[in-house]
Amino acid sequence: MVQATARAKQLTQQVTATRAELDLLDDSQLVQQHLIGNTRAFDLLVGRYQVRLLNFVYRIVGDRERAEDLVQEAFIRVHRHLARFDRSKKFSTWIYTIASNLAKNELRNRARSPLVLFTALTPHWDDDERPLEFEDSEDAQPDEVYRRRHLRQAVEQSVAKLPAHHRDVFVLRELEGRSYEEIAEITHCNLGTVKSRLNRARNAFAEIIEPELR
């Protein structure tokens, strides 16, 4: 472990690091690699976050093609301003903030509410639980598949009815698994506001979806 850490630190000073070597680096070290001229480093950052950001933005705006455009714009902005990134902070928080702001701007320019894609529901809101994850098992029985599809539709419709500022924290916490501190930074709110909005979002979501689960 000590040798691996030392090797990673050594690699951050090398412009000629290979793709395999770059895989050993954390996000902040990849940023440094990009800044000293290693063109592979930014490609690796894109690879680490592209799918996650696309899923995140899509759940906010409800339009796959538009989400792809917004994610592309997010990476353009990251590339343009990477030299100003404060590496004492988490890169993931920074890029999620950029993507979140773009998604919010998209919603402001619309006259409709987005649908947020969830594919399952947990009965308890335990802060230590993993974010909501929804998978269809290959060996599921037909009636179970039907039940899950019905639940998925009910969740989509219920989340779409949440106010935008509640939906943001709900998606970031319950689906993306972001910490309260990260959510506060991404949404530009203090911790108290984040927790209050999340609590209200959970309660509102439960009330909205409850009739569909009877």
Protein backbone atom coordinates (compact mmCIF):
# COMPACT_ATOMS: atom_id res chain seq x y z
CA MET A 1 0.00 0.00 0.00
CA VAL A 2 2.82 2.40 0.90
CA GLN A 3 4.67 1.51 -2.30
CA ALA A 4 1.54 2.07 -4.37
CA THR A 5 1.02 5.50 -2.80
CA ALA A 6 4.63 6.46 -3.41
CA ARG A 7 4.35 5.27 -7.01
CA ALA A 8 1.21 7.33 -7.52
CA LYS A 9 2.95 10.45 -6.20
CA GLN A 10 5.86 9.80 -8.53
CA LEU A 11 3.53 9.43 -11.51
CA THR A 12 1.91 12.80 -10.89
CA GLN A 13 5.19 14.40 -11.96
CA GLN A 14 5.47 12.42 -15.21
CA VAL A 15 4.01 13.73 -18.43
CA THR A 16 4.68 10.38 -20.11
CA ALA A 17 2.65 8.21 -17.73
CA THR A 18 0.84 5.39 -19.52
CA ARG A 19 -2.91 4.76 -19.40
CA ALA A 20 -2.37 1.85 -17.01
CA GLU A 21 -0.25 4.05 -14.77
CA LEU A 22 -2.83 6.82 -14.86
CA ASP A 23 -5.44 4.37 -13.60
CA LEU A 24 -3.53 4.33 -10.31
CA LEU A 25 -4.10 8.04 -9.75
CA ASP A 26 -6.97 9.70 -7.95
CA ASP A 27 -8.98 12.53 -9.52
CA SER A 28 -6.84 15.33 -8.12
CA GLN A 29 -3.68 13.67 -9.39
CA LEU A 30 -5.24 13.26 -12.82
CA VAL A 31 -6.01 16.97 -12.83
CA GLN A 32 -2.35 17.63 -12.13
CA GLN A 33 -1.35 15.29 -14.96
CA HIS A 34 -3.59 17.19 -17.33
CA LEU A 35 -2.15 20.52 -16.24
CA ILE A 36 1.43 19.40 -16.88
CA GLY A 37 0.53 18.25 -20.37
CA ASN A 38 -0.58 14.61 -20.26
CA THR A 39 -3.49 14.54 -22.72
CA ARG A 40 -4.59 11.07 -21.58
CA ALA A 41 -5.46 12.34 -18.10
CA PHE A 42 -8.54 14.33 -19.06
CA ASP A 43 -9.83 11.46 -21.19
CA LEU A 44 -9.62 9.25 -18.11
CA LEU A 45 -11.53 11.78 -16.02
CA VAL A 46 -14.25 11.83 -18.67
CA GLY A 47 -14.35 8.04 -18.61
CA ARG A 48 -14.75 7.99 -14.84
CA TYR A 49 -17.67 10.41 -14.75
CA GLN A 50 -19.46 10.41 -18.10
CA VAL A 51 -21.96 7.64 -17.39
CA ARG A 52 -22.63 8.75 -13.82
CA LEU A 53 -23.19 12.35 -14.87
CA LEU A 54 -25.41 11.32 -17.75
CA ASN A 55 -27.62 9.27 -15.44
CA PHE A 56 -27.71 12.09 -12.89
CA VAL A 57 -28.64 14.82 -15.38
CA TYR A 58 -31.14 12.58 -17.16
CA ARG A 59 -32.96 11.95 -13.90
CA ILE A 60 -33.27 15.70 -13.43
CA VAL A 61 -34.24 16.83 -16.93
CA GLY A 62 -36.04 13.70 -18.14
CA ASP A 63 -34.68 13.93 -21.70
CA ARG A 64 -31.87 11.59 -22.69
CA GLU A 65 -30.63 13.51 -25.71
CA ARG A 66 -30.71 16.82 -23.88
CA ALA A 67 -28.92 15.22 -20.93
CA GLU A 68 -26.16 14.10 -23.28
CA ASP A 69 -25.79 17.68 -24.53
CA LEU A 70 -25.66 19.05 -21.00
CA VAL A 71 -23.04 16.53 -19.90
CA GLN A 72 -20.93 17.41 -22.91
CA GLU A 73 -21.24 21.08 -21.95
CA ALA A 74 -20.26 20.21 -18.38
CA PHE A 75 -17.03 18.58 -19.57
CA ILE A 76 -16.30 21.54 -21.83
CA ARG A 77 -16.60 23.86 -18.85
CA VAL A 78 -14.47 21.59 -16.70
CA HIS A 79 -11.76 21.49 -19.37
CA ARG A 80 -11.89 25.27 -19.79
CA HIS A 81 -11.60 26.04 -16.07
CA LEU A 82 -9.57 23.09 -14.81
CA ALA A 83 -6.54 25.24 -14.04
CA ARG A 84 -8.66 27.12 -11.48
CA PHE A 85 -9.94 23.99 -9.76
CA ASP A 86 -9.16 23.99 -6.04
CA ARG A 87 -7.52 20.60 -5.53
CA SER A 88 -8.07 20.79 -1.79
CA LYS A 89 -11.69 19.96 -2.65
CA LYS A 90 -13.22 16.88 -4.25
CA PHE A 91 -13.27 16.86 -8.03
CA SER A 92 -16.49 14.85 -8.01
CA THR A 93 -18.28 17.56 -6.03
CA TRP A 94 -17.07 20.23 -8.43
CA ILE A 95 -18.16 18.44 -11.58
CA TYR A 96 -21.53 17.47 -10.07
CA THR A 97 -22.05 21.13 -9.15
CA ILE A 98 -21.44 22.18 -12.74
CA ALA A 99 -23.77 19.49 -14.08
CA SER A 100 -26.43 20.32 -11.50
CA ASN A 101 -26.36 24.01 -12.40
CA LEU A 102 -26.72 23.19 -16.09
CA ALA A 103 -29.66 20.90 -15.35
CA LYS A 104 -31.34 23.58 -13.23
CA ASN A 105 -30.91 26.14 -15.99
CA GLU A 106 -32.47 23.68 -18.41
CA LEU A 107 -35.52 23.30 -16.18
CA ARG A 108 -35.88 27.05 -15.81
CA ASN A 109 -36.14 27.28 -19.58
CA ARG A 110 -38.91 24.74 -19.74
CA ALA A 111 -42.60 24.86 -19.09
CA ARG A 112 -42.83 21.24 -18.04
CA SER A 113 -41.64 19.19 -15.09
CA PRO A 114 -39.08 16.44 -15.66
CA LEU A 115 -39.52 12.79 -14.91
CA VAL A 116 -36.91 11.18 -12.72
CA LEU A 117 -36.16 7.55 -13.50
CA PHE A 118 -36.18 5.28 -10.47
CA THR A 119 -36.62 1.55 -10.84
CA ALA A 120 -37.30 0.40 -7.28
CA LEU A 121 -38.19 1.69 -3.87
CA THR A 122 -36.86 1.02 -0.39
CA PRO A 123 -39.38 1.07 2.47
CA HIS A 124 -37.04 2.84 4.90
CA TRP A 125 -35.13 6.10 4.63
CA ASP A 126 -32.02 5.03 6.51
CA ASP A 127 -29.15 7.50 6.10
CA ASP A 128 -26.69 4.62 6.24
CA GLU A 129 -28.37 2.76 3.41
CA ARG A 130 -26.88 2.66 -0.05
CA PRO A 131 -28.55 4.91 -2.65
CA LEU A 132 -31.60 3.47 -4.34
CA GLU A 133 -30.60 0.81 -6.85
CA PHE A 134 -33.04 -0.85 -9.14
CA GLU A 135 -32.37 -3.96 -11.13
CA ASP A 136 -34.56 -6.50 -12.84
CA SER A 137 -33.38 -9.99 -12.00
CA GLU A 138 -33.05 -12.31 -14.98
CA ASP A 139 -34.76 -15.12 -13.10
CA ALA A 140 -37.68 -13.01 -11.86
CA GLN A 141 -41.16 -14.44 -12.37
CA PRO A 142 -43.54 -12.67 -14.80
CA ASP A 143 -45.75 -11.34 -12.00
CA GLU A 144 -42.69 -9.95 -10.21
CA VAL A 145 -41.50 -8.27 -13.41
CA TYR A 146 -44.95 -6.71 -13.84
CA ARG A 147 -44.95 -5.51 -10.22
CA ARG A 148 -41.56 -3.89 -10.64
CA ARG A 149 -42.60 -2.15 -13.82
CA HIS A 150 -45.69 -0.80 -12.13
CA LEU A 151 -43.57 0.39 -9.20
CA ARG A 152 -41.08 2.02 -11.55
CA GLN A 153 -43.85 3.97 -13.27
CA ALA A 154 -45.36 5.01 -9.94
CA VAL A 155 -41.99 6.24 -8.68
CA GLU A 156 -41.31 8.20 -11.87
CA GLN A 157 -44.64 9.96 -11.64
CA SER A 158 -44.31 10.62 -7.92
CA VAL A 159 -40.82 12.11 -8.10
CA ALA A 160 -41.92 14.33 -10.99
CA LYS A 161 -44.46 15.93 -8.64
CA LEU A 162 -41.85 17.02 -6.09
CA PRO A 163 -40.84 20.70 -6.14
CA ALA A 164 -37.60 21.19 -8.05
CA HIS A 165 -35.56 22.14 -4.96
CA HIS A 166 -36.78 19.01 -3.16
CA ARG A 167 -36.25 16.81 -6.18
CA ASP A 168 -32.60 17.92 -6.44
CA VAL A 169 -31.65 16.82 -2.94
CA PHE A 170 -33.77 13.67 -3.23
CA VAL A 171 -31.97 12.53 -6.37
CA LEU A 172 -28.52 13.44 -5.08
CA ARG A 173 -29.01 11.62 -1.78
CA GLU A 174 -31.29 8.69 -2.51
CA LEU A 175 -30.04 7.78 -5.96
CA GLU A 176 -26.55 9.20 -6.26
CA GLY A 177 -25.59 8.47 -2.66
CA ARG A 178 -23.95 11.85 -2.16
CA SER A 179 -23.07 12.97 1.35
CA TYR A 180 -24.90 15.86 3.00
CA GLU A 181 -21.75 17.97 2.71
CA GLU A 182 -21.46 17.34 -1.02
CA ILE A 183 -25.16 18.06 -1.56
CA ALA A 184 -24.80 21.33 0.34
CA GLU A 185 -21.93 22.38 -1.90
CA ILE A 186 -23.63 21.25 -5.11
CA THR A 187 -26.92 22.98 -4.32
CA HIS A 188 -25.33 26.02 -2.65
CA CYS A 189 -27.29 25.44 0.55
CA ASN A 190 -26.22 24.99 4.15
CA LEU A 191 -26.43 21.59 5.82
CA GLY A 192 -29.54 22.49 7.77
CA THR A 193 -31.38 23.43 4.60
CA VAL A 194 -30.27 20.26 2.85
CA LYS A 195 -31.48 18.04 5.67
CA SER A 196 -34.75 19.95 5.96
CA ARG A 197 -35.43 19.74 2.23
CA LEU A 198 -34.52 16.07 2.11
CA ASN A 199 -36.82 15.27 5.02
CA ARG A 200 -39.68 17.13 3.36
CA ALA A 201 -38.94 15.51 0.02
CA ARG A 202 -39.00 12.04 1.57
CA ASN A 203 -42.28 12.72 3.37
CA ALA A 204 -43.89 14.25 0.29
CA PHE A 205 -42.69 11.40 -1.90
CA ALA A 206 -44.09 8.83 0.52
CA GLU A 207 -47.49 10.59 0.60
CA ILE A 208 -47.64 10.89 -3.19
CA ILE A 209 -46.72 7.30 -3.95
CA GLU A 210 -48.63 5.63 -1.09
CA PRO A 211 -51.96 5.32 -2.98
CA GLU A 212 -50.15 3.62 -5.87
CA LEU A 213 -48.78 0.93 -3.57
CA ARG A 214 -52.08 -0.21 -2.10
